[in-house]
Amino acid sequence: MPIYEYKCSACGESIELMQKMGAKAPKTCPVCGAVNTLKKLISNTSFELKGSGWYVTDYKNNPKSTTSKVESNKGEIKNAGKDTVNH
């Protein structure tokens, strides 16, 4: 379950609550007891990517296998032309 952060507009305190996604804000502030004063805050996540990063080329086909397929196709085309030409 995600952790949501709320701030009370009456006392100014911030609280964190573990709630289901889409759950409504609590009606009363657990610090001061004020009703309908909690507002959901947008906060940073703890998710962090480390390392050199991801690039578009990381998930594409291996360039060596693509090159070998192209080279083999060129050889087939050259051989096909020699077989069909009559001099």
PDB file of N, CA and C in Angstrom:
ATOM      1  N   MET A   1       0.841  -1.184   0.000  1.00  0.00           N
ATOM      2  CA  MET A   1       0.000   0.000   0.000  1.00  0.00           C
ATOM      3  C   MET A   1       0.883   1.243   0.000  1.00  0.00           C
ATOM      4  N   PRO A   2       0.485   2.245  -0.745  1.00  0.00           N
ATOM      5  CA  PRO A   2       1.261   3.481  -0.786  1.00  0.00           C
ATOM      6  C   PRO A   2       1.084   4.327   0.475  1.00  0.00           C
ATOM      7  N   ILE A   3       2.060   5.173   0.706  1.00  0.00           N
ATOM      8  CA  ILE A   3       2.014   6.103   1.836  1.00  0.00           C
ATOM      9  C   ILE A   3       1.646   7.477   1.296  1.00  0.00           C
ATOM     10  N   TYR A   4       0.623   8.079   1.864  1.00  0.00           N
ATOM     11  CA  TYR A   4       0.172   9.403   1.453  1.00  0.00           C
ATOM     12  C   TYR A   4       0.479  10.405   2.551  1.00  0.00           C
ATOM     13  N   GLU A   5       0.776  11.642   2.134  1.00  0.00           N
ATOM     14  CA  GLU A   5       1.085  12.705   3.082  1.00  0.00           C
ATOM     15  C   GLU A   5      -0.040  13.731   3.057  1.00  0.00           C
ATOM     16  N   TYR A   6      -0.480  14.124   4.235  1.00  0.00           N
ATOM     17  CA  TYR A   6      -1.551  15.116   4.383  1.00  0.00           C
ATOM     18  C   TYR A   6      -1.061  16.251   5.273  1.00  0.00           C
ATOM     19  N   LYS A   7      -1.624  17.447   5.042  1.00  0.00           N
ATOM     20  CA  LYS A   7      -1.309  18.595   5.885  1.00  0.00           C
ATOM     21  C   LYS A   7      -2.610  19.194   6.389  1.00  0.00           C
ATOM     22  N   CYS A   8      -2.627  19.494   7.674  1.00  0.00           N
ATOM     23  CA  CYS A   8      -3.809  20.089   8.297  1.00  0.00           C
ATOM     24  C   CYS A   8      -3.736  21.602   8.124  1.00  0.00           C
ATOM     25  N   SER A   9      -4.803  22.187   7.595  1.00  0.00           N
ATOM     26  CA  SER A   9      -4.825  23.643   7.408  1.00  0.00           C
ATOM     27  C   SER A   9      -5.096  24.375   8.725  1.00  0.00           C
ATOM     28  N   ALA A  10      -5.568  23.672   9.743  1.00  0.00           N
ATOM     29  CA  ALA A  10      -5.843  24.298  11.045  1.00  0.00           C
ATOM     30  C   ALA A  10      -4.584  24.411  11.895  1.00  0.00           C
ATOM     31  N   CYS A  11      -3.847  23.313  12.055  1.00  0.00           N
ATOM     32  CA  CYS A  11      -2.668  23.334  12.931  1.00  0.00           C
ATOM     33  C   CYS A  11      -1.350  23.358  12.166  1.00  0.00           C
ATOM     34  N   GLY A  12      -1.386  23.080  10.851  1.00  0.00           N
ATOM     35  CA  GLY A  12      -0.165  23.119  10.035  1.00  0.00           C
ATOM     36  C   GLY A  12       0.686  21.869  10.107  1.00  0.00           C
ATOM     37  N   GLU A  13       0.259  20.856  10.836  1.00  0.00           N
ATOM     38  CA  GLU A  13       1.029  19.615  10.969  1.00  0.00           C
ATOM     39  C   GLU A  13       0.869  18.752   9.718  1.00  0.00           C
ATOM     40  N   SER A  14       1.938  18.046   9.362  1.00  0.00           N
ATOM     41  CA  SER A  14       1.902  17.081   8.270  1.00  0.00           C
ATOM     42  C   SER A  14       1.897  15.681   8.848  1.00  0.00           C
ATOM     43  N   ILE A  15       1.099  14.804   8.255  1.00  0.00           N
ATOM     44  CA  ILE A  15       1.042  13.413   8.699  1.00  0.00           C
ATOM     45  C   ILE A  15       1.185  12.499   7.494  1.00  0.00           C
ATOM     46  N   GLU A  16       1.649  11.286   7.730  1.00  0.00           N
ATOM     47  CA  GLU A  16       1.748  10.274   6.689  1.00  0.00           C
ATOM     48  C   GLU A  16       0.831   9.120   7.048  1.00  0.00           C
ATOM     49  N   LEU A  17       0.068   8.651   6.063  1.00  0.00           N
ATOM     50  CA  LEU A  17      -0.851   7.537   6.280  1.00  0.00           C
ATOM     51  C   LEU A  17      -0.671   6.500   5.186  1.00  0.00           C
ATOM     52  N   MET A  18      -0.676   5.232   5.576  1.00  0.00           N
ATOM     53  CA  MET A  18      -0.638   4.152   4.602  1.00  0.00           C
ATOM     54  C   MET A  18      -2.086   3.822   4.259  1.00  0.00           C
ATOM     55  N   GLN A  19      -2.456   4.043   2.978  1.00  0.00           N
ATOM     56  CA  GLN A  19      -3.834   3.848   2.541  1.00  0.00           C
ATOM     57  C   GLN A  19      -3.859   3.147   1.203  1.00  0.00           C
ATOM     58  N   LYS A  20      -5.011   2.589   0.876  1.00  0.00           N
ATOM     59  CA  LYS A  20      -5.213   2.023  -0.449  1.00  0.00           C
ATOM     60  C   LYS A  20      -5.243   3.155  -1.468  1.00  0.00           C
ATOM     61  N   MET A  21      -4.876   2.826  -2.711  1.00  0.00           N
ATOM     62  CA  MET A  21      -4.936   3.839  -3.762  1.00  0.00           C
ATOM     63  C   MET A  21      -6.374   4.272  -3.968  1.00  0.00           C
ATOM     64  N   GLY A  22      -6.584   5.557  -4.108  1.00  0.00           N
ATOM     65  CA  GLY A  22      -7.917   6.097  -4.336  1.00  0.00           C
ATOM     66  C   GLY A  22      -8.732   6.304  -3.068  1.00  0.00           C
ATOM     67  N   ALA A  23      -8.151   6.007  -1.915  1.00  0.00           N
ATOM     68  CA  ALA A  23      -8.872   6.227  -0.655  1.00  0.00           C
ATOM     69  C   ALA A  23      -9.026   7.722  -0.398  1.00  0.00           C
ATOM     70  N   LYS A  24     -10.113   8.092   0.246  1.00  0.00           N
ATOM     71  CA  LYS A  24     -10.354   9.509   0.545  1.00  0.00           C
ATOM     72  C   LYS A  24      -9.544   9.949   1.760  1.00  0.00           C
ATOM     73  N   ALA A  25      -9.323  11.249   1.837  1.00  0.00           N
ATOM     74  CA  ALA A  25      -8.590  11.812   2.982  1.00  0.00           C
ATOM     75  C   ALA A  25      -9.385  11.597   4.261  1.00  0.00           C
ATOM     76  N   PRO A  26      -8.691  11.388   5.371  1.00  0.00           N
ATOM     77  CA  PRO A  26      -9.410  11.257   6.647  1.00  0.00           C
ATOM     78  C   PRO A  26     -10.156  12.546   6.971  1.00  0.00           C
ATOM     79  N   LYS A  27     -11.234  12.434   7.685  1.00  0.00           N
ATOM     80  CA  LYS A  27     -12.057  13.609   7.998  1.00  0.00           C
ATOM     81  C   LYS A  27     -11.505  14.449   9.137  1.00  0.00           C
ATOM     82  N   THR A  28     -10.848  13.811  10.106  1.00  0.00           N
ATOM     83  CA  THR A  28     -10.348  14.580  11.257  1.00  0.00           C
ATOM     84  C   THR A  28      -8.830  14.479  11.353  1.00  0.00           C
ATOM     85  N   CYS A  29      -8.219  15.564  11.773  1.00  0.00           N
ATOM     86  CA  CYS A  29      -6.779  15.626  11.975  1.00  0.00           C
ATOM     87  C   CYS A  29      -6.437  14.854  13.258  1.00  0.00           C
ATOM     88  N   PRO A  30      -5.498  13.888  13.199  1.00  0.00           N
ATOM     89  CA  PRO A  30      -5.152  13.139  14.410  1.00  0.00           C
ATOM     90  C   PRO A  30      -4.360  13.966  15.429  1.00  0.00           C
ATOM     91  N   VAL A  31      -3.817  15.118  15.011  1.00  0.00           N
ATOM     92  CA  VAL A  31      -3.024  15.960  15.917  1.00  0.00           C
ATOM     93  C   VAL A  31      -3.919  16.922  16.700  1.00  0.00           C
ATOM     94  N   CYS A  32      -4.735  17.703  15.970  1.00  0.00           N
ATOM     95  CA  CYS A  32      -5.537  18.736  16.649  1.00  0.00           C
ATOM     96  C   CYS A  32      -7.028  18.398  16.727  1.00  0.00           C
ATOM     97  N   GLY A  33      -7.475  17.407  15.949  1.00  0.00           N
ATOM     98  CA  GLY A  33      -8.883  17.011  15.987  1.00  0.00           C
ATOM     99  C   GLY A  33      -9.798  17.845  15.120  1.00  0.00           C
ATOM    100  N   ALA A  34      -9.264  18.778  14.325  1.00  0.00           N
ATOM    101  CA  ALA A  34     -10.092  19.610  13.452  1.00  0.00           C
ATOM    102  C   ALA A  34     -10.719  18.743  12.357  1.00  0.00           C
ATOM    103  N   VAL A  35     -11.941  19.090  11.958  1.00  0.00           N
ATOM    104  CA  VAL A  35     -12.691  18.309  10.976  1.00  0.00           C
ATOM    105  C   VAL A  35     -12.564  18.948   9.591  1.00  0.00           C
ATOM    106  N   ASN A  36     -12.386  18.103   8.574  1.00  0.00           N
ATOM    107  CA  ASN A  36     -12.296  18.502   7.155  1.00  0.00           C
ATOM    108  C   ASN A  36     -11.196  19.530   6.880  1.00  0.00           C
ATOM    109  N   THR A  37     -10.049  19.377   7.489  1.00  0.00           N
ATOM    110  CA  THR A  37      -8.948  20.314   7.271  1.00  0.00           C
ATOM    111  C   THR A  37      -7.721  19.648   6.640  1.00  0.00           C
ATOM    112  N   LEU A  38      -7.750  18.346   6.415  1.00  0.00           N
ATOM    113  CA  LEU A  38      -6.598  17.651   5.845  1.00  0.00           C
ATOM    114  C   LEU A  38      -6.627  17.706   4.326  1.00  0.00           C
ATOM    115  N   LYS A  39      -5.529  18.092   3.742  1.00  0.00           N
ATOM    116  CA  LYS A  39      -5.373  18.169   2.289  1.00  0.00           C
ATOM    117  C   LYS A  39      -4.207  17.276   1.890  1.00  0.00           C
ATOM    118  N   LYS A  40      -4.390  16.508   0.809  1.00  0.00           N
ATOM    119  CA  LYS A  40      -3.347  15.602   0.333  1.00  0.00           C
ATOM    120  C   LYS A  40      -2.225  16.411  -0.307  1.00  0.00           C
ATOM    121  N   LEU A  41      -0.996  16.080   0.028  1.00  0.00           N
ATOM    122  CA  LEU A  41       0.183  16.748  -0.529  1.00  0.00           C
ATOM    123  C   LEU A  41       0.811  15.890  -1.610  1.00  0.00           C
ATOM    124  N   ILE A  42       1.489  16.535  -2.506  1.00  0.00           N
ATOM    125  CA  ILE A  42       2.280  15.834  -3.511  1.00  0.00           C
ATOM    126  C   ILE A  42       3.702  15.794  -2.985  1.00  0.00           C
ATOM    127  N   SER A  43       4.236  14.601  -2.822  1.00  0.00           N
ATOM    128  CA  SER A  43       5.575  14.474  -2.256  1.00  0.00           C
ATOM    129  C   SER A  43       6.459  13.621  -3.162  1.00  0.00           C
ATOM    130  N   ASN A  44       7.746  13.668  -2.907  1.00  0.00           N
ATOM    131  CA  ASN A  44       8.706  12.879  -3.675  1.00  0.00           C
ATOM    132  C   ASN A  44       8.556  11.405  -3.335  1.00  0.00           C
ATOM    133  N   THR A  45       8.874  10.564  -4.309  1.00  0.00           N
ATOM    134  CA  THR A  45       8.845   9.131  -4.063  1.00  0.00           C
ATOM    135  C   THR A  45      10.221   8.665  -3.619  1.00  0.00           C
ATOM    136  N   SER A  46      10.287   7.468  -3.112  1.00  0.00           N
ATOM    137  CA  SER A  46      11.564   6.901  -2.715  1.00  0.00           C
ATOM    138  C   SER A  46      12.192   6.112  -3.858  1.00  0.00           C
ATOM    139  N   PHE A  47      11.546   6.090  -5.017  1.00  0.00           N
ATOM    140  CA  PHE A  47      12.044   5.376  -6.191  1.00  0.00           C
ATOM    141  C   PHE A  47      13.195   6.154  -6.803  1.00  0.00           C
ATOM    142  N   GLU A  48      14.321   5.491  -6.993  1.00  0.00           N
ATOM    143  CA  GLU A  48      15.496   6.177  -7.521  1.00  0.00           C
ATOM    144  C   GLU A  48      16.223   5.270  -8.503  1.00  0.00           C
ATOM    145  N   LEU A  49      16.535   5.785  -9.674  1.00  0.00           N
ATOM    146  CA  LEU A  49      17.313   5.043 -10.665  1.00  0.00           C
ATOM    147  C   LEU A  49      18.778   5.415 -10.511  1.00  0.00           C
ATOM    148  N   LYS A  50      19.624   4.412 -10.452  1.00  0.00           N
ATOM    149  CA  LYS A  50      21.056   4.660 -10.330  1.00  0.00           C
ATOM    150  C   LYS A  50      21.771   3.953 -11.463  1.00  0.00           C
ATOM    151  N   GLY A  51      22.940   4.428 -11.781  1.00  0.00           N
ATOM    152  CA  GLY A  51      23.730   3.801 -12.829  1.00  0.00           C
ATOM    153  C   GLY A  51      23.883   4.720 -14.013  1.00  0.00           C
ATOM    154  N   SER A  52      24.338   4.141 -15.104  1.00  0.00           N
ATOM    155  CA  SER A  52      24.613   4.946 -16.296  1.00  0.00           C
ATOM    156  C   SER A  52      23.346   5.351 -17.025  1.00  0.00           C
ATOM    157  N   GLY A  53      22.233   4.696 -16.747  1.00  0.00           N
ATOM    158  CA  GLY A  53      20.966   5.076 -17.365  1.00  0.00           C
ATOM    159  C   GLY A  53      20.496   4.073 -18.387  1.00  0.00           C
ATOM    160  N   TRP A  54      19.333   4.320 -18.935  1.00  0.00           N
ATOM    161  CA  TRP A  54      18.757   3.466 -19.953  1.00  0.00           C
ATOM    162  C   TRP A  54      18.724   4.245 -21.253  1.00  0.00           C
ATOM    163  N   TYR A  55      18.952   3.554 -22.322  1.00  0.00           N
ATOM    164  CA  TYR A  55      18.958   4.182 -23.629  1.00  0.00           C
ATOM    165  C   TYR A  55      18.016   3.427 -24.547  1.00  0.00           C
ATOM    166  N   VAL A  56      17.610   4.065 -25.613  1.00  0.00           N
ATOM    167  CA  VAL A  56      16.700   3.453 -26.577  1.00  0.00           C
ATOM    168  C   VAL A  56      17.328   2.195 -27.157  1.00  0.00           C
ATOM    169  N   THR A  57      18.631   2.205 -27.345  1.00  0.00           N
ATOM    170  CA  THR A  57      19.308   1.071 -27.967  1.00  0.00           C
ATOM    171  C   THR A  57      19.448  -0.129 -27.044  1.00  0.00           C
ATOM    172  N   ASP A  58      19.188   0.014 -25.765  1.00  0.00           N
ATOM    173  CA  ASP A  58      19.345  -1.097 -24.820  1.00  0.00           C
ATOM    174  C   ASP A  58      18.387  -2.249 -25.101  1.00  0.00           C
ATOM    175  N   TYR A  59      17.229  -1.983 -25.640  1.00  0.00           N
ATOM    176  CA  TYR A  59      16.224  -3.020 -25.807  1.00  0.00           C
ATOM    177  C   TYR A  59      15.953  -3.368 -27.265  1.00  0.00           C
ATOM    178  N   LYS A  60      16.767  -2.883 -28.159  1.00  0.00           N
ATOM    179  CA  LYS A  60      16.599  -3.229 -29.565  1.00  0.00           C
ATOM    180  C   LYS A  60      17.335  -4.525 -29.858  1.00  0.00           C
ATOM    181  N   ASN A  61      17.131  -5.058 -31.072  1.00  0.00           N
ATOM    182  CA  ASN A  61      17.831  -6.277 -31.476  1.00  0.00           C
ATOM    183  C   ASN A  61      19.330  -6.063 -31.460  1.00  0.00           C
ATOM    184  N   ASN A  62      20.035  -7.153 -31.317  1.00  0.00           N
ATOM    185  CA  ASN A  62      21.486  -7.104 -31.323  1.00  0.00           C
ATOM    186  C   ASN A  62      21.958  -6.652 -32.706  1.00  0.00           C
ATOM    187  N   PRO A  63      22.739  -5.577 -32.819  1.00  0.00           N
ATOM    188  CA  PRO A  63      23.170  -5.087 -34.128  1.00  0.00           C
ATOM    189  C   PRO A  63      24.008  -6.108 -34.889  1.00  0.00           C
ATOM    190  N   LYS A  64      24.751  -6.975 -34.220  1.00  0.00           N
ATOM    191  CA  LYS A  64      25.573  -7.970 -34.903  1.00  0.00           C
ATOM    192  C   LYS A  64      24.704  -8.968 -35.637  1.00  0.00           C
ATOM    193  N   SER A  65      23.621  -9.412 -35.023  1.00  0.00           N
ATOM    194  CA  SER A  65      22.748 -10.374 -35.678  1.00  0.00           C
ATOM    195  C   SER A  65      22.036  -9.731 -36.870  1.00  0.00           C
ATOM    196  N   THR A  66      21.693  -8.458 -36.779  1.00  0.00           N
ATOM    197  CA  THR A  66      21.055  -7.752 -37.887  1.00  0.00           C
ATOM    198  C   THR A  66      22.032  -7.609 -39.051  1.00  0.00           C
ATOM    199  N   THR A  67      23.281  -7.277 -38.759  1.00  0.00           N
ATOM    200  CA  THR A  67      24.294  -7.115 -39.803  1.00  0.00           C
ATOM    201  C   THR A  67      24.542  -8.437 -40.503  1.00  0.00           C
ATOM    202  N   SER A  68      24.641  -9.533 -39.771  1.00  0.00           N
ATOM    203  CA  SER A  68      24.903 -10.818 -40.396  1.00  0.00           C
ATOM    204  C   SER A  68      23.746 -11.229 -41.301  1.00  0.00           C
ATOM    205  N   LYS A  69      22.517 -10.906 -40.934  1.00  0.00           N
ATOM    206  CA  LYS A  69      21.367 -11.210 -41.781  1.00  0.00           C
ATOM    207  C   LYS A  69      21.438 -10.403 -43.064  1.00  0.00           C
ATOM    208  N   VAL A  70      21.815  -9.133 -42.976  1.00  0.00           N
ATOM    209  CA  VAL A  70      21.921  -8.279 -44.157  1.00  0.00           C
ATOM    210  C   VAL A  70      23.017  -8.800 -45.076  1.00  0.00           C
ATOM    211  N   GLU A  71      24.167  -9.155 -44.523  1.00  0.00           N
ATOM    212  CA  GLU A  71      25.279  -9.672 -45.332  1.00  0.00           C
ATOM    213  C   GLU A  71      24.885 -10.976 -46.010  1.00  0.00           C
ATOM    214  N   SER A  72      24.198 -11.874 -45.313  1.00  0.00           N
ATOM    215  CA  SER A  72      23.810 -13.144 -45.927  1.00  0.00           C
ATOM    216  C   SER A  72      22.789 -12.910 -47.031  1.00  0.00           C
ATOM    217  N   ASN A  73      21.904 -11.942 -46.875  1.00  0.00           N
ATOM    218  CA  ASN A  73      20.927 -11.627 -47.916  1.00  0.00           C
ATOM    219  C   ASN A  73      21.614 -11.059 -49.149  1.00  0.00           C
ATOM    220  N   LYS A  74      22.658 -10.248 -48.979  1.00  0.00           N
ATOM    221  CA  LYS A  74      23.390  -9.694 -50.120  1.00  0.00           C
ATOM    222  C   LYS A  74      24.047 -10.809 -50.913  1.00  0.00           C
ATOM    223  N   GLY A  75      24.613 -11.780 -50.204  1.00  0.00           N
ATOM    224  CA  GLY A  75      25.242 -12.915 -50.880  1.00  0.00           C
ATOM    225  C   GLY A  75      24.234 -13.714 -51.670  1.00  0.00           C
ATOM    226  N   GLU A  76      23.040 -13.919 -51.128  1.00  0.00           N
ATOM    227  CA  GLU A  76      21.994 -14.665 -51.827  1.00  0.00           C
ATOM    228  C   GLU A  76      21.552 -13.922 -53.078  1.00  0.00           C
ATOM    229  N   ILE A  77      21.453 -12.605 -53.008  1.00  0.00           N
ATOM    230  CA  ILE A  77      21.029 -11.809 -54.161  1.00  0.00           C
ATOM    231  C   ILE A  77      22.088 -11.881 -55.259  1.00  0.00           C
ATOM    232  N   LYS A  78      23.378 -11.785 -54.918  1.00  0.00           N
ATOM    233  CA  LYS A  78      24.454 -11.861 -55.906  1.00  0.00           C
ATOM    234  C   LYS A  78      24.454 -13.226 -56.576  1.00  0.00           C
ATOM    235  N   ASN A  79      24.325 -14.298 -55.812  1.00  0.00           N
ATOM    236  CA  ASN A  79      24.322 -15.646 -56.366  1.00  0.00           C
ATOM    237  C   ASN A  79      23.096 -15.890 -57.229  1.00  0.00           C
ATOM    238  N   ALA A  80      21.986 -15.351 -56.861  1.00  0.00           N
ATOM    239  CA  ALA A  80      20.754 -15.528 -57.633  1.00  0.00           C
ATOM    240  C   ALA A  80      20.897 -14.865 -58.996  1.00  0.00           C
ATOM    241  N   GLY A  81      21.552 -13.719 -59.052  1.00  0.00           N
ATOM    242  CA  GLY A  81      21.734 -13.013 -60.322  1.00  0.00           C
ATOM    243  C   GLY A  81      22.652 -13.757 -61.261  1.00  0.00           C
ATOM    244  N   LYS A  82      23.676 -14.449 -60.756  1.00  0.00           N
ATOM    245  CA  LYS A  82      24.621 -15.182 -61.594  1.00  0.00           C
ATOM    246  C   LYS A  82      23.967 -16.412 -62.198  1.00  0.00           C
ATOM    247  N   ASP A  83      23.074 -17.042 -61.467  1.00  0.00           N
ATOM    248  CA  ASP A  83      22.417 -18.248 -61.949  1.00  0.00           C
ATOM    249  C   ASP A  83      21.429 -17.959 -63.063  1.00  0.00           C
ATOM    250  N   THR A  84      20.800 -16.805 -63.077  1.00  0.00           N
ATOM    251  CA  THR A  84      19.733 -16.523 -64.043  1.00  0.00           C
ATOM    252  C   THR A  84      20.228 -15.830 -65.298  1.00  0.00           C
ATOM    253  N   VAL A  85      21.443 -15.328 -65.305  1.00  0.00           N
ATOM    254  CA  VAL A  85      21.933 -14.601 -66.472  1.00  0.00           C
ATOM    255  C   VAL A  85      22.576 -15.587 -67.462  1.00  0.00           C
ATOM    256  N   ASN A  86      22.158 -15.547 -68.714  1.00  0.00           N
ATOM    257  CA  ASN A  86      22.731 -16.396 -69.776  1.00  0.00           C
ATOM    258  C   ASN A  86      23.507 -15.528 -70.742  1.00  0.00           C
ATOM    259  N   HIS A  87      24.802 -15.837 -70.913  1.00  0.00           N
ATOM    260  CA  HIS A  87      25.638 -15.077 -71.856  1.00  0.00           C
ATOM    261  C   HIS A  87      25.945 -15.879 -73.059  1.00  0.00           C
TER     262      HIS A  87
END
